[in-house]
Amino acid sequence: MRIVTSKADLVEALGIVGRAVSTRSSIQVLTGVLVEAEGAGITLTATDMEISVRAPLRGVVEATGAAVLPARILAEIAKTLSPREVTLERKAGEQQVDLSCGEALFSLRILPAEDFPRLPLFPIEEGFTVAKESFLATVDRVAASASRDETRPVLMGVLVQVAKNVVRMVATDSYRLSVKETPVEASVKEKIQAIVPARCLTELSRVAAGVAADSITVVPTHNQILFQAGEVLIISRLIDGQFPNHKQLIPENFESEAIADREEFMESLKRVSLLAPKSAPVRLQFEGNTLTISAQSQDVGAARESMPVQYQGEPLEIGFNPDFLLAGAAGVEEEDLHMRFISPLRPGLLRGQADDFLYLIMPIRLGE
C-alpha cells in the first residue's frame, strides 16, 4: 500500500472519523483507524461498535492495500506535520506503515485489516432523503435534552419520526423534554419512527455541517440506521424499547404566562447563575410585569437582577436548574420567549409564539 495526500486532507479526514474511535474497549483493533486504498480512492473508517464513521481521504493511490493504524497517535502526528505532501507506505511483508512528510519519518505498527469489524450492508434502495439544513437544525435544538445515564438507555436516544412533509424529534432526560417539529421534504413512502442514539445525531450534525451536500440519505433497518452526507457515512445501532409518550407529559392548561425578551433573559440568567452553586437552583419571581432572577451561595454570596416582562397570573416564585433553563431559552429562535407555569412544583413550558419547538422543564423545590 502506498498513498500520497496532504497534511490538511489527512487532518480533516481523521477529524471526521476520530470521534468513533473507541477509548474504553479492551479490543485493540477498535482503537485504530482502518485505511483502505483501492482503485476508487482512499477511505478511513473507525468504530466503537456503537457508532461507525467512514470518510474519504483525498489523495492518490500509488499501490492498493489496507491497514489499521493507531488512531490517536496518527491524529497527533498529522496535526504537527508541516503543510506539505504526506506519504503513507506499507511495504510487502512488513507489519508497519511508514509516514513521511518532508524530512520527517514515522514508522507505525499496524494491525491486520481483516481483524477490523466489517460495516453492515444497507439496502440503499429502501432509504430516503431529507433536506440537510432543516434536519440538522432539528437535531441541534433537541439532542442536548437526551439523558447521559447509561442505566436508562431509551432516554439516551432521540425519538425520530419522519413523514413526507415533516420531521419530529423528541428527547428527554426526565428532568426536561424537548420537542421540535420541522417542515422538511423527505422522500418517504410511509411514516418512519426510530429511537436513534443522541450521540449519533450529534456527530451527524458535526460532520454533515461541513459537507457540501443539500440532503442526507437515511436508511433504517430493524436495529441499525445509516446516514450518508456526501461521501461520509455514519452508522449506528438503534435503541430498542418504549419511548415515553411525550404528549401525555405536556400539560394542556397553565395558570400563568410570561413573555420576555429572549436575549435579555438569557444574559441576565447567565450573570445571576454565576452565584448558583452546583445543583442549586436559580429563582424566578414574577410579580406584576417584573421578573426577578436570583441565586445565592453560602460560600460566595448572592445575586439578583430584575427585568420587565409581560406577565399574566398570580405572583409566582419558582426554581430551576440554570443550565437546563438556559438551554431551553437557547432553543427558542424567536425574539420573544414565552414561559408558562402551573405552580412552583409543576413543570414549566418554554416556547416561541409560532415556533414548533417545546421545552418542558421540571422545577426544583425551593427552600426558605
Protein backbone atom coordinates (compact mmCIF):
# COMPACT_ATOMS: atom_id res chain seq x y z
CA MET A 1 0.00 0.00 0.00
CA ARG A 2 1.22 3.44 -0.88
CA ILE A 3 -0.86 6.62 -0.83
CA VAL A 4 0.01 10.28 -1.21
CA THR A 5 -2.13 13.00 0.36
CA SER A 6 -1.68 16.36 2.06
CA LYS A 7 -1.45 17.30 5.72
CA ALA A 8 -4.69 19.30 5.57
CA ASP A 9 -6.66 16.48 3.95
CA LEU A 10 -5.28 13.89 6.39
CA VAL A 11 -6.12 16.04 9.41
CA GLU A 12 -9.63 16.70 8.08
CA ALA A 13 -10.43 13.04 7.40
CA LEU A 14 -9.04 11.88 10.75
CA GLY A 15 -11.09 14.57 12.47
CA ILE A 16 -14.27 13.22 10.89
CA VAL A 17 -13.76 9.57 11.85
CA GLY A 18 -11.86 10.15 15.08
CA ARG A 19 -14.91 10.56 17.33
CA ALA A 20 -15.95 6.98 16.53
CA VAL A 21 -12.65 5.53 17.74
CA SER A 22 -13.10 3.51 20.92
CA THR A 23 -11.43 4.90 24.04
CA ARG A 24 -12.72 2.31 26.51
CA SER A 25 -12.67 -1.02 24.69
CA SER A 26 -10.18 -3.74 25.56
CA ILE A 27 -10.28 -4.78 21.88
CA GLN A 28 -7.13 -3.23 20.48
CA VAL A 29 -8.28 -3.04 16.86
CA LEU A 30 -11.12 -0.68 17.88
CA THR A 31 -8.57 1.93 18.96
CA GLY A 32 -7.33 2.11 15.40
CA VAL A 33 -8.46 3.60 12.10
CA LEU A 34 -8.79 1.42 9.03
CA VAL A 35 -7.04 2.90 6.00
CA GLU A 36 -8.12 1.37 2.70
CA ALA A 37 -6.54 2.28 -0.63
CA GLU A 38 -8.36 0.96 -3.66
CA GLY A 39 -8.78 1.90 -7.28
CA ALA A 40 -11.79 4.03 -6.38
CA GLY A 41 -9.85 6.05 -3.83
CA ILE A 42 -8.87 6.15 -0.16
CA THR A 43 -11.24 5.74 2.78
CA LEU A 44 -10.80 5.93 6.55
CA THR A 45 -13.09 4.00 8.90
CA ALA A 46 -13.43 3.97 12.69
CA THR A 47 -15.88 2.22 15.01
CA ASP A 48 -16.51 1.59 18.69
CA MET A 49 -19.20 -0.98 17.82
CA GLU A 50 -21.90 1.56 18.73
CA ILE A 51 -21.17 4.16 16.07
CA SER A 52 -19.16 3.71 12.89
CA VAL A 53 -17.91 6.50 10.61
CA ARG A 54 -16.41 6.19 7.15
CA ALA A 55 -14.97 9.18 5.28
CA PRO A 56 -12.99 9.66 2.07
CA LEU A 57 -9.40 10.86 2.14
CA ARG A 58 -8.40 12.96 -0.81
CA GLY A 59 -5.17 11.71 -2.33
CA VAL A 60 -3.51 9.47 -4.90
CA VAL A 61 -3.36 5.68 -4.66
CA GLU A 62 0.02 4.50 -5.95
CA ALA A 63 -0.41 0.98 -4.59
CA THR A 64 -3.55 -0.61 -3.19
CA GLY A 65 -3.83 -2.17 0.26
CA ALA A 66 -5.27 -1.78 3.73
CA ALA A 67 -4.05 -1.49 7.32
CA VAL A 68 -5.27 -0.49 10.77
CA LEU A 69 -3.18 2.31 12.26
CA PRO A 70 -3.27 3.62 15.85
CA ALA A 71 -5.84 6.43 15.58
CA ARG A 72 -4.81 8.69 18.45
CA ILE A 73 -1.10 8.87 17.66
CA LEU A 74 -1.77 9.15 13.91
CA ALA A 75 -4.03 12.15 14.50
CA GLU A 76 -1.45 13.79 16.79
CA ILE A 77 1.30 13.23 14.24
CA ALA A 78 -0.80 14.62 11.40
CA LYS A 79 -1.51 17.85 13.28
CA THR A 80 2.21 18.51 13.84
CA LEU A 81 3.36 17.90 10.26
CA SER A 82 4.44 20.74 8.03
CA PRO A 83 1.87 21.72 5.38
CA ARG A 84 3.34 19.52 2.69
CA GLU A 85 2.77 16.27 0.84
CA VAL A 86 2.31 13.24 3.09
CA THR A 87 3.09 9.67 2.05
CA LEU A 88 1.84 6.54 3.79
CA GLU A 89 3.51 3.33 2.68
CA ARG A 90 3.38 -0.28 3.78
CA LYS A 91 5.98 -2.46 2.14
CA ALA A 92 5.23 -6.09 1.34
CA GLY A 93 5.62 -8.40 4.32
CA GLU A 94 6.12 -5.59 6.87
CA GLN A 95 3.87 -5.01 9.89
CA GLN A 96 4.34 -1.27 9.91
CA VAL A 97 3.41 1.79 7.86
CA ASP A 98 5.97 4.47 7.14
CA LEU A 99 4.61 8.02 7.21
CA SER A 100 6.85 10.63 5.61
CA CYS A 101 6.43 14.36 5.21
CA GLY A 102 9.43 16.39 4.14
CA GLU A 103 12.32 15.28 6.33
CA ALA A 104 10.04 13.76 8.97
CA LEU A 105 9.63 9.98 9.04
CA PHE A 106 7.44 7.92 11.37
CA SER A 107 7.10 4.14 11.45
CA LEU A 108 3.81 2.99 12.98
CA ARG A 109 2.97 -0.56 13.99
CA ILE A 110 -0.21 -1.80 12.39
CA LEU A 111 -2.92 -4.39 12.98
CA PRO A 112 -4.30 -6.64 10.23
CA ALA A 113 -7.15 -5.09 8.28
CA GLU A 114 -9.02 -8.39 8.35
CA ASP A 115 -9.39 -8.04 12.15
CA PHE A 116 -11.30 -4.79 11.78
CA PRO A 117 -15.09 -5.21 12.11
CA ARG A 118 -16.93 -5.20 8.82
CA LEU A 119 -19.53 -2.49 8.45
CA PRO A 120 -23.03 -3.84 7.82
CA LEU A 121 -24.55 -3.63 4.36
CA PHE A 122 -27.63 -1.46 3.99
CA PRO A 123 -30.34 -1.65 1.32
CA ILE A 124 -29.78 1.85 -0.05
CA GLU A 125 -32.79 1.46 -2.33
CA GLU A 126 -35.01 1.26 0.77
CA GLY A 127 -33.70 4.51 2.19
CA PHE A 128 -34.96 8.07 1.80
CA THR A 129 -33.52 11.57 1.67
CA VAL A 130 -34.20 14.62 3.82
CA ALA A 131 -33.17 18.23 3.42
CA LYS A 132 -29.89 18.57 5.32
CA GLU A 133 -30.27 22.07 6.75
CA SER A 134 -33.72 21.50 8.26
CA PHE A 135 -32.87 18.05 9.58
CA LEU A 136 -29.68 19.19 11.31
CA ALA A 137 -31.38 22.27 12.75
CA THR A 138 -33.89 19.98 14.43
CA VAL A 139 -31.09 17.79 15.80
CA ASP A 140 -29.26 20.79 17.25
CA ARG A 141 -32.30 22.01 19.16
CA VAL A 142 -33.39 18.66 20.60
CA ALA A 143 -30.50 16.23 21.08
CA ALA A 144 -28.98 18.02 24.09
CA SER A 145 -32.02 17.07 26.19
CA ALA A 146 -31.28 13.35 25.90
CA SER A 147 -30.06 11.56 29.01
CA ARG A 148 -26.45 10.54 29.63
CA ASP A 149 -27.45 7.94 32.21
CA GLU A 150 -26.47 4.55 30.80
CA THR A 151 -28.84 2.78 33.20
CA ARG A 152 -31.75 4.21 31.18
CA PRO A 153 -30.72 3.52 27.57
CA VAL A 154 -34.04 4.51 26.00
CA LEU A 155 -33.63 8.05 27.33
CA MET A 156 -30.15 8.26 25.78
CA GLY A 157 -31.87 8.29 22.41
CA VAL A 158 -33.89 10.75 20.37
CA LEU A 159 -37.26 9.68 19.06
CA VAL A 160 -37.16 10.50 15.35
CA GLN A 161 -40.41 10.47 13.38
CA VAL A 162 -40.29 11.21 9.66
CA ALA A 163 -43.26 11.71 7.37
CA LYS A 164 -43.40 13.05 3.84
CA ASN A 165 -43.53 16.72 4.80
CA VAL A 166 -42.35 16.85 8.39
CA VAL A 167 -39.76 15.52 10.82
CA ARG A 168 -40.39 15.45 14.57
CA MET A 169 -37.70 14.80 17.17
CA VAL A 170 -38.23 14.25 20.90
CA ALA A 171 -35.66 13.89 23.67
CA THR A 172 -35.87 13.79 27.46
CA ASP A 173 -33.69 13.01 30.45
CA SER A 174 -36.74 13.01 32.77
CA TYR A 175 -35.82 16.50 34.03
CA ARG A 176 -36.55 18.26 30.74
CA LEU A 177 -38.24 17.44 27.47
CA SER A 178 -37.56 18.91 24.02
CA VAL A 179 -39.92 18.51 21.09
CA LYS A 180 -39.29 20.03 17.66
CA GLU A 181 -41.40 19.57 14.56
CA THR A 182 -39.89 20.86 11.33
CA PRO A 183 -41.37 21.08 7.84
CA VAL A 184 -38.96 19.19 5.61
CA GLU A 185 -39.13 17.44 2.28
CA ALA A 186 -38.50 13.72 2.75
CA SER A 187 -38.77 11.01 0.12
CA VAL A 188 -40.55 8.55 2.39
CA LYS A 189 -43.46 6.37 1.33
CA GLU A 190 -44.84 5.86 4.84
CA LYS A 191 -44.20 7.27 8.32
CA ILE A 192 -40.94 6.08 9.86
CA GLN A 193 -40.11 6.05 13.57
CA ALA A 194 -36.92 5.07 15.39
CA ILE A 195 -35.04 5.79 18.61
CA VAL A 196 -31.61 6.98 17.48
CA PRO A 197 -28.76 7.46 19.99
CA ALA A 198 -28.35 11.17 20.66
CA ARG A 199 -24.61 10.79 20.26
CA CYS A 200 -25.08 9.56 16.69
CA LEU A 201 -27.23 12.54 15.76
CA THR A 202 -24.82 14.96 17.42
CA GLU A 203 -21.92 13.50 15.44
CA LEU A 204 -24.01 13.63 12.28
CA SER A 205 -24.65 17.33 12.83
CA ARG A 206 -20.97 17.99 13.49
CA VAL A 207 -19.78 16.13 10.40
CA ALA A 208 -22.54 16.89 7.91
CA ALA A 209 -22.48 20.63 8.56
CA GLY A 210 -19.14 20.81 6.75
CA VAL A 211 -20.12 18.53 3.88
CA ALA A 212 -21.11 20.10 0.55
CA ALA A 213 -24.45 18.35 0.18
CA ASP A 214 -28.03 19.62 0.27
CA SER A 215 -29.57 16.38 1.51
CA ILE A 216 -28.91 13.46 3.82
CA THR A 217 -29.70 9.88 2.86
CA VAL A 218 -31.22 7.84 5.68
CA VAL A 219 -31.50 4.05 5.61
CA PRO A 220 -33.11 2.48 8.70
CA THR A 221 -33.30 -1.26 9.34
CA HIS A 222 -34.92 -3.06 12.26
CA ASN A 223 -31.91 -2.49 14.54
CA GLN A 224 -29.49 -0.11 12.79
CA ILE A 225 -29.52 3.12 10.84
CA LEU A 226 -27.26 4.68 8.23
CA PHE A 227 -26.85 8.38 7.50
CA GLN A 228 -24.97 9.50 4.41
CA ALA A 229 -23.95 13.10 3.80
CA GLY A 230 -21.94 13.46 0.63
CA GLU A 231 -19.38 10.66 0.81
CA VAL A 232 -19.39 10.44 4.61
CA LEU A 233 -21.22 7.51 6.22
CA ILE A 234 -22.36 7.31 9.85
CA ILE A 235 -23.82 4.03 11.07
CA SER A 236 -25.39 3.44 14.46
CA ARG A 237 -27.39 0.84 16.27
CA LEU A 238 -30.94 1.80 17.12
CA ILE A 239 -32.20 1.73 20.70
CA ASP A 240 -34.82 -0.87 21.44
CA GLY A 241 -37.55 -0.01 23.91
CA GLN A 242 -40.64 2.08 24.54
CA PHE A 243 -40.04 5.82 24.39
CA PRO A 244 -42.13 7.88 26.86
CA ASN A 245 -45.39 9.26 25.49
CA HIS A 246 -44.35 12.90 25.35
CA LYS A 247 -47.86 14.12 24.54
CA GLN A 248 -49.09 12.88 27.91
CA LEU A 249 -46.28 14.72 29.69
CA ILE A 250 -47.15 18.17 28.36
CA PRO A 251 -49.91 19.87 30.40
CA GLU A 252 -52.86 21.16 28.44
CA ASN A 253 -53.58 24.17 30.67
CA PHE A 254 -51.38 26.64 32.53
CA GLU A 255 -52.19 29.14 35.26
CA SER A 256 -49.75 31.90 34.28
CA GLU A 257 -47.66 33.10 31.35
CA ALA A 258 -44.74 35.48 30.96
CA ILE A 259 -43.34 36.92 27.74
CA ALA A 260 -39.75 38.10 27.95
CA ASP A 261 -37.12 39.36 25.55
CA ARG A 262 -35.16 36.14 24.98
CA GLU A 263 -31.72 37.70 24.66
CA GLU A 264 -32.17 39.89 27.74
CA PHE A 265 -33.48 36.92 29.74
CA MET A 266 -30.52 34.74 28.74
CA GLU A 267 -27.94 37.42 29.56
CA SER A 268 -29.50 38.07 32.97
CA LEU A 269 -29.70 34.35 33.69
CA LYS A 270 -26.02 33.85 32.78
CA ARG A 271 -24.94 36.61 35.14
CA VAL A 272 -27.07 35.56 38.10
CA SER A 273 -26.29 31.86 37.74
CA LEU A 274 -22.62 32.58 38.42
CA LEU A 275 -23.68 32.69 42.08
CA ALA A 276 -25.70 29.46 41.88
CA PRO A 277 -23.60 26.62 43.33
CA LYS A 278 -23.66 23.25 41.65
CA SER A 279 -27.08 21.57 41.83
CA ALA A 280 -28.63 24.71 43.34
CA PRO A 281 -31.50 26.49 41.54
CA VAL A 282 -31.95 29.99 40.28
CA ARG A 283 -35.18 31.61 41.45
CA LEU A 284 -37.62 33.25 39.09
CA GLN A 285 -40.01 35.59 40.84
CA PHE A 286 -42.90 37.00 38.80
CA GLU A 287 -44.97 39.86 40.16
CA GLY A 288 -46.77 42.45 38.11
CA ASN A 289 -44.79 42.94 34.94
CA THR A 290 -41.43 42.34 36.60
CA LEU A 291 -39.28 39.21 36.65
CA THR A 292 -36.59 39.00 39.31
CA ILE A 293 -33.90 36.34 38.82
CA SER A 294 -31.85 35.50 41.90
CA ALA A 295 -29.34 32.98 43.20
CA GLN A 296 -27.46 32.50 46.44
CA SER A 297 -24.33 30.70 47.55
CA GLN A 298 -23.37 30.40 51.20
CA ASP A 299 -19.68 30.37 50.28
CA VAL A 300 -19.64 33.20 47.74
CA GLY A 301 -22.64 35.47 48.10
CA ALA A 302 -25.87 36.33 46.30
CA ALA A 303 -27.05 37.90 43.05
CA ARG A 304 -30.34 39.26 41.80
CA GLU A 305 -31.45 41.09 38.68
CA SER A 306 -34.84 42.36 37.55
CA MET A 307 -36.19 42.81 34.05
CA PRO A 308 -39.53 43.81 32.51
CA VAL A 309 -41.86 41.10 31.20
CA GLN A 310 -45.47 40.78 30.15
CA TYR A 311 -46.99 38.66 32.90
CA GLN A 312 -50.46 37.27 33.38
CA GLY A 313 -51.29 35.35 36.54
CA GLU A 314 -50.88 35.36 40.29
CA PRO A 315 -47.45 36.21 41.78
CA LEU A 316 -45.17 33.20 41.41
CA GLU A 317 -41.75 32.12 42.66
CA ILE A 318 -40.25 29.01 41.06
CA GLY A 319 -36.77 27.47 40.89
CA PHE A 320 -34.94 25.78 38.01
CA ASN A 321 -31.59 24.26 37.14
CA PRO A 322 -29.90 27.27 35.49
CA ASP A 323 -28.12 25.21 32.82
CA PHE A 324 -31.32 23.46 31.80
CA LEU A 325 -33.23 26.75 31.78
CA LEU A 326 -30.58 28.42 29.65
CA ALA A 327 -30.59 25.51 27.18
CA GLY A 328 -34.34 25.79 26.80
CA ALA A 329 -34.23 29.51 26.13
CA ALA A 330 -31.42 28.98 23.62
CA GLY A 331 -33.58 26.51 21.72
CA VAL A 332 -36.19 29.18 21.03
CA GLU A 333 -35.27 31.16 17.92
CA GLU A 334 -37.80 34.00 18.20
CA GLU A 335 -37.20 37.34 19.90
CA ASP A 336 -39.95 36.75 22.46
CA LEU A 337 -39.64 33.87 24.92
CA HIS A 338 -42.97 32.56 26.19
CA MET A 339 -42.85 30.90 29.63
CA ARG A 340 -45.92 29.14 31.02
CA PHE A 341 -46.40 27.82 34.54
CA ILE A 342 -48.91 25.99 36.70
CA SER A 343 -47.33 26.07 40.18
CA PRO A 344 -43.89 26.05 41.84
CA LEU A 345 -43.92 22.23 41.86
CA ARG A 346 -45.24 21.57 38.34
CA PRO A 347 -43.26 21.67 35.07
CA GLY A 348 -42.79 24.92 33.19
CA LEU A 349 -43.01 25.26 29.42
CA LEU A 350 -40.76 27.39 27.21
CA ARG A 351 -41.51 28.10 23.56
CA GLY A 352 -41.82 30.79 20.91
CA GLN A 353 -45.09 32.24 19.69
CA ALA A 354 -45.19 30.47 16.33
CA ASP A 355 -42.23 28.11 16.56
CA ASP A 356 -42.87 24.36 16.66
CA PHE A 357 -40.34 23.92 19.48
CA LEU A 358 -41.45 22.99 23.00
CA TYR A 359 -39.23 22.73 26.05
CA LEU A 360 -40.72 21.31 29.23
CA ILE A 361 -38.59 21.67 32.36
CA MET A 362 -39.08 20.31 35.86
CA PRO A 363 -38.72 22.81 38.72
CA ILE A 364 -36.51 22.43 41.78
CA ARG A 365 -38.21 22.72 45.17
CA LEU A 366 -37.17 25.96 46.83
CA GLY A 367 -36.15 26.22 50.46
CA GLU A 368 -36.84 29.21 52.60
